[in-house]
Amino acid sequence: MFSALLQRFRSLGPGLILAAAGIGAGDVVVASVTGLRFGSTLLWAIALTAALKFILTEALARWQLATGETVVRAWVTRLPRVVSVALAAYLVLWAYLVGASLSSACGLAGASLWPVLTVQQWGVAHAVVAALLVALNRFSAFQRVMKGLIAVMAICVAICAVLAAPSWGEVATGLFVPRLTDGGGAAVLALLGGIGGSVTVVCYGYWLKAAGWSGAGKLQPVRADVRLAYLFTGLFGIALCVIASSVHAESASGTRIALEIAARLETVAGPFGRWVFLLGFWCTVFTAMLGVWQGVPHIFAELTEAWGLAKPGPATRRVYLGALLWLAGPPLILLWFRQPVAVVVTFSIVGAFFMPFLAGTLLYLNNRRDWVGALANGRLGNGALLVCLAAFGIACLYEIVGVLNR
């Protein structure tokens, strides 16, 4: 039975890479803070967030299966030029800050597990190793590494959820009985923005191509693959929330919340609990780094190709490597210096627009039957995307108002 399960795991599609790339330090922080403040009462919101991300990714994949082109190319060729230019400007800033965030999180995780180097040194080491692995340009090897790390990550978090000894009755209630307490509305909006990634959703199209999945005949396998990705994402977020709510690490804040939770787990389950959680945290942030390092440069390469600035082949490969260097190199400066407030504020405001932007463009693109044919949105698909647009739009407004009021 174990060998059959192992074979089934190895045969899974790129959805697991999508899940790993989308689950990063931000997810750990948001889910953990939610658990600390609200216990198990908002587990349903984590499940809802995963469902909404599934709707967007399924629509994105359906566009690609129907047309043979990614949504990034569609933004260049099917929408006004200003759309793709604004997207490129946003991506440059997003990549810089995400590169810094992931390097910092990996440095923290590395220093916590193996304190032979400082946080900054571990951050640099992780960024360089991840860049070298990605630069080898071997998707099959990359996929195997990701699946191995995901398996360890899932096992560690599952063990910690059991060790935390939560009230499973409260967990079931929080998952299946939607309710809001004081401040719960703001927490739900934070979950919408912080669980399951944003730009990494777009990278799924490139992983589909790398896996050789194309054509309308692949719709059902792709849906199953995306469903698995967000089932994993939802369960992972729920497990983190449950762990945090059970160990009561009230004094923790920011990315270091993971260290505080690990310390509290040690009081519950001994050193074993602490090390298992830290290992799971390391796998989480390093797989996110690998996924972003591998996927996001494809967006830069395709934008330049679609604009006619680079021909397919060596030219786009150079753009890809340049984008990879931008992710793994200059952001390391922020490991030693505080992020400039103006940059952070700008990123928060601009970044909040991405998910409603994605929902809105997919509503437009997937309703053009002359482009997508039989895979066009039906009433249910349009309704689901409208819900996504409304939910992420409200979360966007909340983020903007919150930034402006700081």
Protein backbone atom coordinates (compact mmCIF):
# COMPACT_ATOMS: atom_id res chain seq x y z
CA MET A 1 0.00 0.00 0.00
CA PHE A 2 2.80 2.41 0.89
CA SER A 3 4.52 1.87 -2.47
CA ALA A 4 1.22 2.50 -4.27
CA LEU A 5 0.69 5.73 -2.36
CA LEU A 6 4.28 6.79 -3.09
CA GLN A 7 3.79 6.09 -6.80
CA ARG A 8 0.54 8.07 -6.77
CA PHE A 9 2.31 10.99 -5.08
CA ARG A 10 5.09 10.97 -7.67
CA SER A 11 2.56 11.02 -10.52
CA LEU A 12 0.76 14.12 -9.27
CA GLY A 13 0.77 17.17 -11.53
CA PRO A 14 2.11 20.69 -11.04
CA GLY A 15 -0.66 21.62 -8.58
CA LEU A 16 1.54 20.70 -5.64
CA ILE A 17 4.21 23.11 -6.91
CA LEU A 18 1.52 25.79 -7.08
CA ALA A 19 0.53 25.06 -3.48
CA ALA A 20 4.11 25.11 -2.23
CA ALA A 21 4.96 28.34 -4.08
CA GLY A 22 1.81 30.02 -2.75
CA ILE A 23 2.35 29.00 0.87
CA GLY A 24 5.12 31.12 2.32
CA ALA A 25 6.08 33.05 5.41
CA GLY A 26 3.07 35.33 4.94
CA ASP A 27 0.69 32.38 5.16
CA VAL A 28 2.41 31.16 8.32
CA VAL A 29 2.06 34.60 9.91
CA VAL A 30 -1.55 35.25 8.86
CA ALA A 31 -2.84 31.79 9.78
CA SER A 32 -0.95 31.79 13.07
CA VAL A 33 -2.11 35.26 14.07
CA THR A 34 -5.67 34.26 13.24
CA GLY A 35 -5.36 31.22 15.48
CA LEU A 36 -3.85 33.24 18.32
CA ARG A 37 -6.55 35.93 18.23
CA PHE A 38 -9.64 33.96 17.27
CA GLY A 39 -8.91 30.35 18.08
CA SER A 40 -10.74 27.97 15.76
CA THR A 41 -13.66 30.29 14.98
CA LEU A 42 -12.34 31.43 11.57
CA LEU A 43 -11.29 28.10 10.11
CA TRP A 44 -14.20 28.38 7.68
CA ALA A 45 -12.63 31.58 6.30
CA ILE A 46 -9.41 29.73 5.48
CA ALA A 47 -11.42 27.10 3.60
CA LEU A 48 -13.34 29.86 1.79
CA THR A 49 -10.11 31.59 0.78
CA ALA A 50 -8.74 28.34 -0.67
CA ALA A 51 -12.01 27.83 -2.59
CA LEU A 52 -11.84 31.34 -4.09
CA LYS A 53 -8.22 30.82 -5.16
CA PHE A 54 -9.30 27.53 -6.77
CA ILE A 55 -11.94 29.37 -8.82
CA LEU A 56 -9.38 31.87 -10.13
CA THR A 57 -6.75 29.26 -10.94
CA GLU A 58 -9.25 26.97 -12.67
CA ALA A 59 -10.40 29.88 -14.85
CA LEU A 60 -6.79 30.80 -15.63
CA ALA A 61 -5.96 27.20 -16.58
CA ARG A 62 -9.16 26.91 -18.65
CA TRP A 63 -8.14 29.97 -20.67
CA GLN A 64 -4.76 28.41 -21.38
CA LEU A 65 -6.18 25.02 -22.33
CA ALA A 66 -8.66 26.65 -24.72
CA THR A 67 -6.31 29.11 -26.42
CA GLY A 68 -2.84 27.62 -25.98
CA GLU A 69 -1.56 30.90 -24.51
CA THR A 70 -0.98 31.98 -20.93
CA VAL A 71 -2.98 34.73 -19.31
CA VAL A 72 0.21 36.85 -19.26
CA ARG A 73 0.38 36.79 -23.06
CA ALA A 74 -3.33 37.58 -23.18
CA TRP A 75 -2.73 40.69 -21.07
CA VAL A 76 -0.28 41.86 -23.75
CA THR A 77 -2.12 40.82 -26.92
CA ARG A 78 -5.80 41.08 -25.94
CA LEU A 79 -5.84 44.12 -23.64
CA PRO A 80 -4.62 47.73 -24.00
CA ARG A 81 -0.83 48.15 -23.83
CA VAL A 82 -1.05 50.14 -20.60
CA VAL A 83 -2.21 46.99 -18.77
CA SER A 84 0.93 44.97 -19.43
CA VAL A 85 3.20 47.98 -18.88
CA ALA A 86 1.64 48.63 -15.47
CA LEU A 87 1.91 44.92 -14.68
CA ALA A 88 5.62 44.90 -15.52
CA ALA A 89 6.25 47.92 -13.30
CA TYR A 90 4.40 46.25 -10.44
CA LEU A 91 6.30 42.98 -10.93
CA VAL A 92 9.69 44.70 -10.65
CA LEU A 93 8.76 46.11 -7.23
CA TRP A 94 6.90 42.95 -6.14
CA ALA A 95 9.84 40.71 -7.06
CA TYR A 96 12.28 42.88 -5.11
CA LEU A 97 10.24 42.88 -1.90
CA VAL A 98 9.20 39.24 -2.15
CA GLY A 99 12.83 38.29 -2.77
CA ALA A 100 13.79 40.10 0.44
CA SER A 101 10.90 38.58 2.39
CA LEU A 102 11.65 35.00 1.34
CA SER A 103 15.40 35.39 1.90
CA SER A 104 14.74 36.77 5.38
CA ALA A 105 12.28 33.97 6.24
CA CYS A 106 14.66 31.27 4.97
CA GLY A 107 17.50 32.88 6.93
CA LEU A 108 15.40 32.85 10.09
CA ALA A 109 14.38 29.23 9.57
CA GLY A 110 17.94 28.14 8.81
CA ALA A 111 19.42 29.93 11.82
CA SER A 112 16.75 28.41 14.08
CA LEU A 113 17.52 24.86 12.96
CA TRP A 114 21.30 25.16 12.49
CA PRO A 115 22.66 28.22 14.35
CA VAL A 116 26.13 27.89 12.79
CA LEU A 117 25.40 30.95 10.62
CA THR A 118 23.55 34.21 11.24
CA VAL A 119 20.09 34.93 9.84
CA GLN A 120 21.64 37.14 7.15
CA GLN A 121 24.20 34.50 6.16
CA TRP A 122 21.57 31.79 5.96
CA GLY A 123 19.36 34.12 3.91
CA VAL A 124 22.13 34.65 1.37
CA ALA A 125 22.93 30.94 1.28
CA HIS A 126 19.32 29.96 0.60
CA ALA A 127 18.89 32.60 -2.11
CA VAL A 128 22.07 31.47 -3.90
CA VAL A 129 21.32 27.73 -3.65
CA ALA A 130 17.74 28.22 -4.87
CA ALA A 131 18.95 30.35 -7.80
CA LEU A 132 21.51 27.74 -8.80
CA LEU A 133 18.96 24.92 -8.66
CA VAL A 134 16.54 26.90 -10.83
CA ALA A 135 19.24 28.05 -13.29
CA LEU A 136 19.99 24.40 -14.14
CA ASN A 137 16.70 24.53 -16.11
CA ARG A 138 15.64 20.94 -15.35
CA PHE A 139 11.96 20.95 -14.52
CA SER A 140 11.74 17.23 -13.75
CA ALA A 141 14.50 17.50 -11.12
CA PHE A 142 12.95 20.69 -9.75
CA GLN A 143 9.58 18.92 -9.47
CA ARG A 144 11.10 15.98 -7.58
CA VAL A 145 12.84 18.28 -5.09
CA MET A 146 9.63 20.23 -4.54
CA LYS A 147 7.54 17.11 -3.98
CA GLY A 148 10.04 15.76 -1.47
CA LEU A 149 10.05 19.00 0.52
CA ILE A 150 6.25 19.23 0.35
CA ALA A 151 5.92 15.72 1.77
CA VAL A 152 8.18 16.60 4.71
CA MET A 153 6.34 19.88 5.22
CA ALA A 154 2.94 18.21 5.30
CA ILE A 155 4.05 15.45 7.68
CA CYS A 156 5.66 17.93 10.09
CA VAL A 157 2.64 20.22 10.27
CA ALA A 158 0.26 17.26 10.68
CA ILE A 159 2.36 15.89 13.57
CA CYS A 160 2.43 19.32 15.23
CA ALA A 161 -1.33 19.68 14.89
CA VAL A 162 -1.76 16.40 16.75
CA LEU A 163 0.89 17.26 19.36
CA ALA A 164 -0.83 20.58 20.08
CA ALA A 165 -3.81 18.54 21.34
CA PRO A 166 -6.59 20.87 20.18
CA SER A 167 -10.26 20.46 20.93
CA TRP A 168 -11.37 18.65 17.79
CA GLY A 169 -14.98 19.53 18.51
CA GLU A 170 -14.11 23.23 18.38
CA VAL A 171 -12.13 22.62 15.21
CA ALA A 172 -15.14 21.01 13.52
CA THR A 173 -17.39 23.86 14.67
CA GLY A 174 -14.98 26.50 13.42
CA LEU A 175 -14.70 24.79 10.07
CA PHE A 176 -18.38 24.14 9.35
CA VAL A 177 -20.20 26.89 11.29
CA PRO A 178 -19.37 30.36 9.88
CA ARG A 179 -19.36 33.04 12.57
CA LEU A 180 -17.66 36.36 13.30
CA THR A 181 -16.47 37.79 16.60
CA ASP A 182 -15.22 41.33 17.25
CA GLY A 183 -12.50 42.09 14.72
CA GLY A 184 -13.28 38.92 12.79
CA GLY A 185 -14.25 40.77 9.61
CA ALA A 186 -10.82 42.38 9.33
CA ALA A 187 -9.19 39.02 10.01
CA VAL A 188 -11.19 37.40 7.19
CA LEU A 189 -10.01 40.11 4.78
CA ALA A 190 -6.42 39.53 5.94
CA LEU A 191 -6.83 35.81 5.22
CA LEU A 192 -8.12 36.59 1.71
CA GLY A 193 -4.97 38.54 0.99
CA GLY A 194 -2.52 36.32 2.86
CA ILE A 195 -3.38 32.68 2.13
CA GLY A 196 -2.50 30.90 -1.11
CA GLY A 197 -0.31 33.44 -2.88
CA SER A 198 -1.09 36.07 -5.53
CA VAL A 199 1.29 36.38 -8.49
CA THR A 200 2.30 32.74 -8.02
CA VAL A 201 -1.21 31.79 -9.21
CA VAL A 202 -0.19 33.02 -12.67
CA CYS A 203 2.91 30.80 -12.61
CA TYR A 204 0.68 27.72 -12.74
CA GLY A 205 0.33 28.27 -16.48
CA TYR A 206 4.08 27.83 -16.96
CA TRP A 207 4.15 24.69 -14.85
CA LEU A 208 1.29 23.29 -16.95
CA LYS A 209 3.38 23.88 -20.07
CA ALA A 210 6.46 22.32 -18.51
CA ALA A 211 4.43 19.25 -17.56
CA GLY A 212 3.11 18.98 -21.14
CA TRP A 213 -0.54 19.50 -20.18
CA SER A 214 -2.38 21.23 -23.03
CA GLY A 215 -5.65 21.14 -24.94
CA ALA A 216 -9.28 20.99 -23.88
CA GLY A 217 -9.00 17.25 -23.25
CA LYS A 218 -6.87 17.98 -20.18
CA LEU A 219 -9.58 20.06 -18.49
CA GLN A 220 -10.69 17.40 -16.00
CA PRO A 221 -7.15 16.36 -14.94
CA VAL A 222 -6.23 20.03 -14.54
CA ARG A 223 -9.31 20.70 -12.41
CA ALA A 224 -8.42 17.73 -10.21
CA ASP A 225 -4.83 18.98 -9.98
CA VAL A 226 -5.89 22.51 -8.98
CA ARG A 227 -8.44 21.10 -6.54
CA LEU A 228 -5.65 19.10 -4.86
CA ALA A 229 -3.45 22.21 -4.72
CA TYR A 230 -6.00 24.25 -2.81
CA LEU A 231 -7.15 21.35 -0.68
CA PHE A 232 -3.55 21.13 0.47
CA THR A 233 -3.37 24.92 0.90
CA GLY A 234 -6.57 25.00 2.94
CA LEU A 235 -5.59 22.08 5.17
CA PHE A 236 -2.14 23.56 5.74
CA GLY A 237 -3.59 26.93 6.76
CA ILE A 238 -6.15 25.25 9.01
CA ALA A 239 -3.44 23.15 10.68
CA LEU A 240 -1.31 26.24 11.37
CA CYS A 241 -4.31 28.06 12.81
CA VAL A 242 -5.13 25.08 15.03
CA ILE A 243 -1.55 24.79 16.27
CA ALA A 244 -1.33 28.50 17.09
CA SER A 245 -4.68 28.51 18.88
CA SER A 246 -3.61 25.56 21.02
CA VAL A 247 -0.20 26.77 22.22
CA HIS A 248 -1.22 30.37 23.11
CA ALA A 249 1.89 32.20 21.85
CA GLU A 250 0.38 35.64 22.47
CA SER A 251 3.70 37.51 22.62
CA ALA A 252 4.77 36.59 19.10
CA SER A 253 4.64 38.91 16.10
CA GLY A 254 5.83 38.98 12.49
CA THR A 255 7.74 36.08 10.96
CA ARG A 256 9.22 35.25 14.37
CA ILE A 257 5.82 33.97 15.37
CA ALA A 258 7.04 30.62 14.04
CA LEU A 259 9.86 30.57 16.61
CA GLU A 260 7.48 31.43 19.44
CA ILE A 261 5.07 28.67 18.41
CA ALA A 262 7.97 26.21 18.22
CA ALA A 263 9.04 27.20 21.74
CA ARG A 264 5.49 26.75 23.06
CA LEU A 265 5.24 23.35 21.37
CA GLU A 266 8.38 22.33 23.25
CA THR A 267 6.57 22.91 26.54
CA VAL A 268 3.71 20.70 25.31
CA ALA A 269 5.57 17.92 23.50
CA GLY A 270 9.22 18.33 24.43
CA PRO A 271 12.16 19.10 22.10
CA PHE A 272 10.71 16.76 19.46
CA GLY A 273 7.70 19.07 18.95
CA ARG A 274 9.92 22.12 18.60
CA TRP A 275 12.25 20.56 16.04
CA VAL A 276 9.42 19.09 13.99
CA PHE A 277 7.71 22.47 13.74
CA LEU A 278 10.95 24.27 12.82
CA LEU A 279 11.68 21.66 10.14
CA GLY A 280 8.19 22.14 8.73
CA PHE A 281 8.64 25.92 8.80
CA TRP A 282 11.95 25.64 6.95
CA CYS A 283 10.42 23.38 4.27
CA THR A 284 7.53 25.83 3.91
CA VAL A 285 9.62 28.92 3.26
CA PHE A 286 12.27 27.18 1.16
CA THR A 287 9.71 25.56 -1.16
CA ALA A 288 8.05 28.97 -1.51
CA MET A 289 11.42 30.45 -2.47
CA LEU A 290 12.08 27.70 -5.01
CA GLY A 291 8.61 28.10 -6.52
CA VAL A 292 8.88 31.88 -6.85
CA TRP A 293 12.46 31.73 -8.15
CA GLN A 294 11.42 29.19 -10.81
CA GLY A 295 8.03 30.58 -11.82
CA VAL A 296 8.12 34.38 -11.69
CA PRO A 297 11.02 34.87 -14.16
CA HIS A 298 8.84 33.19 -16.80
CA ILE A 299 6.45 36.15 -16.53
CA PHE A 300 9.23 38.64 -17.27
CA ALA A 301 10.47 36.51 -20.17
CA GLU A 302 7.02 36.19 -21.72
CA LEU A 303 6.26 39.89 -21.36
CA THR A 304 9.42 40.85 -23.27
CA GLU A 305 8.71 38.20 -25.91
CA ALA A 306 5.07 39.26 -26.36
CA TRP A 307 6.16 42.90 -26.70
CA GLY A 308 8.58 41.87 -29.44
CA LEU A 309 11.63 42.88 -27.41
CA ALA A 310 13.14 39.39 -27.33
CA LYS A 311 12.84 36.41 -29.63
CA PRO A 312 12.10 32.92 -28.24
CA GLY A 313 15.27 31.07 -27.39
CA PRO A 314 18.55 32.47 -26.04
CA ALA A 315 17.19 36.02 -25.80
CA THR A 316 14.23 35.12 -23.58
CA ARG A 317 16.51 32.78 -21.60
CA ARG A 318 18.73 35.77 -20.82
CA VAL A 319 15.69 37.74 -19.66
CA TYR A 320 14.67 34.77 -17.49
CA LEU A 321 18.11 34.59 -15.86
CA GLY A 322 18.14 38.35 -15.38
CA ALA A 323 14.80 38.20 -13.57
CA LEU A 324 16.10 35.32 -11.46
CA LEU A 325 19.12 37.42 -10.52
CA TRP A 326 16.81 40.33 -9.61
CA LEU A 327 14.90 38.04 -7.22
CA ALA A 328 17.96 36.46 -5.62
CA GLY A 329 20.48 39.30 -5.63
CA PRO A 330 19.61 42.97 -4.86
CA PRO A 331 16.86 42.13 -2.32
CA LEU A 332 19.51 40.63 -0.04
CA ILE A 333 20.48 44.19 0.89
CA LEU A 334 17.29 44.41 2.95
CA LEU A 335 18.54 41.59 5.18
CA TRP A 336 20.79 44.21 6.83
CA PHE A 337 18.66 47.34 6.46
CA ARG A 338 15.06 48.19 7.24
CA GLN A 339 12.77 48.40 4.22
CA PRO A 340 12.12 52.05 3.23
CA VAL A 341 8.65 53.03 4.44
CA ALA A 342 7.69 54.67 1.13
CA VAL A 343 8.52 51.48 -0.79
CA VAL A 344 6.54 49.28 1.60
CA VAL A 345 3.50 51.58 1.48
CA THR A 346 3.61 51.72 -2.33
CA PHE A 347 3.91 47.95 -2.56
CA SER A 348 0.99 47.41 -0.16
CA ILE A 349 -1.31 49.69 -2.18
CA VAL A 350 -0.32 48.45 -5.64
CA GLY A 351 -0.15 44.81 -4.56
CA ALA A 352 -3.68 44.88 -3.24
CA PHE A 353 -4.99 45.34 -6.77
CA PHE A 354 -3.59 42.09 -8.21
CA MET A 355 -6.25 39.54 -7.21
CA PRO A 356 -9.29 41.67 -8.22
CA PHE A 357 -7.39 42.56 -11.41
CA LEU A 358 -6.90 38.86 -12.15
CA ALA A 359 -10.57 38.09 -11.43
CA GLY A 360 -11.75 40.97 -13.62
CA THR A 361 -9.58 40.09 -16.60
CA LEU A 362 -10.58 36.41 -16.42
CA LEU A 363 -14.24 37.45 -16.41
CA TYR A 364 -13.59 39.32 -19.64
CA LEU A 365 -11.30 36.83 -21.37
CA ASN A 366 -13.26 33.67 -20.56
CA ASN A 367 -16.55 35.16 -21.77
CA ARG A 368 -15.21 35.68 -25.29
CA ARG A 369 -16.53 32.55 -26.99
CA ASP A 370 -14.72 33.50 -30.18
CA TRP A 371 -11.51 33.01 -28.20
CA VAL A 372 -12.23 30.14 -25.81
CA GLY A 373 -15.07 28.30 -27.55
CA ALA A 374 -16.65 25.51 -25.53
CA LEU A 375 -14.51 26.31 -22.48
CA ALA A 376 -16.11 29.75 -22.06
CA ASN A 377 -17.64 30.66 -18.70
CA GLY A 378 -21.14 29.44 -17.99
CA ARG A 379 -23.51 31.05 -15.51
CA LEU A 380 -21.93 29.20 -12.61
CA GLY A 381 -18.41 30.18 -13.68
CA ASN A 382 -19.38 33.82 -14.09
CA GLY A 383 -21.11 33.84 -10.73
CA ALA A 384 -18.08 32.32 -9.02
CA LEU A 385 -15.71 34.84 -10.61
CA LEU A 386 -18.02 37.71 -9.62
CA VAL A 387 -17.84 36.47 -6.02
CA CYS A 388 -14.03 36.43 -6.32
CA LEU A 389 -14.03 39.94 -7.76
CA ALA A 390 -16.22 41.23 -4.94
CA ALA A 391 -14.33 39.43 -2.15
CA PHE A 392 -10.84 40.40 -3.33
CA GLY A 393 -12.04 43.88 -4.24
CA ILE A 394 -13.25 44.47 -0.68
CA ALA A 395 -9.97 43.07 0.65
CA CYS A 396 -8.14 45.47 -1.69
CA LEU A 397 -10.08 48.48 -0.39
CA TYR A 398 -9.45 47.36 3.19
CA GLU A 399 -5.72 47.17 2.54
CA ILE A 400 -5.62 50.61 0.91
CA VAL A 401 -7.61 52.23 3.73
CA GLY A 402 -5.44 50.52 6.32
CA VAL A 403 -2.23 51.77 4.67
CA LEU A 404 -3.53 55.33 4.29
CA ASN A 405 -4.61 55.43 7.95
CA ARG A 406 -1.22 54.34 9.33
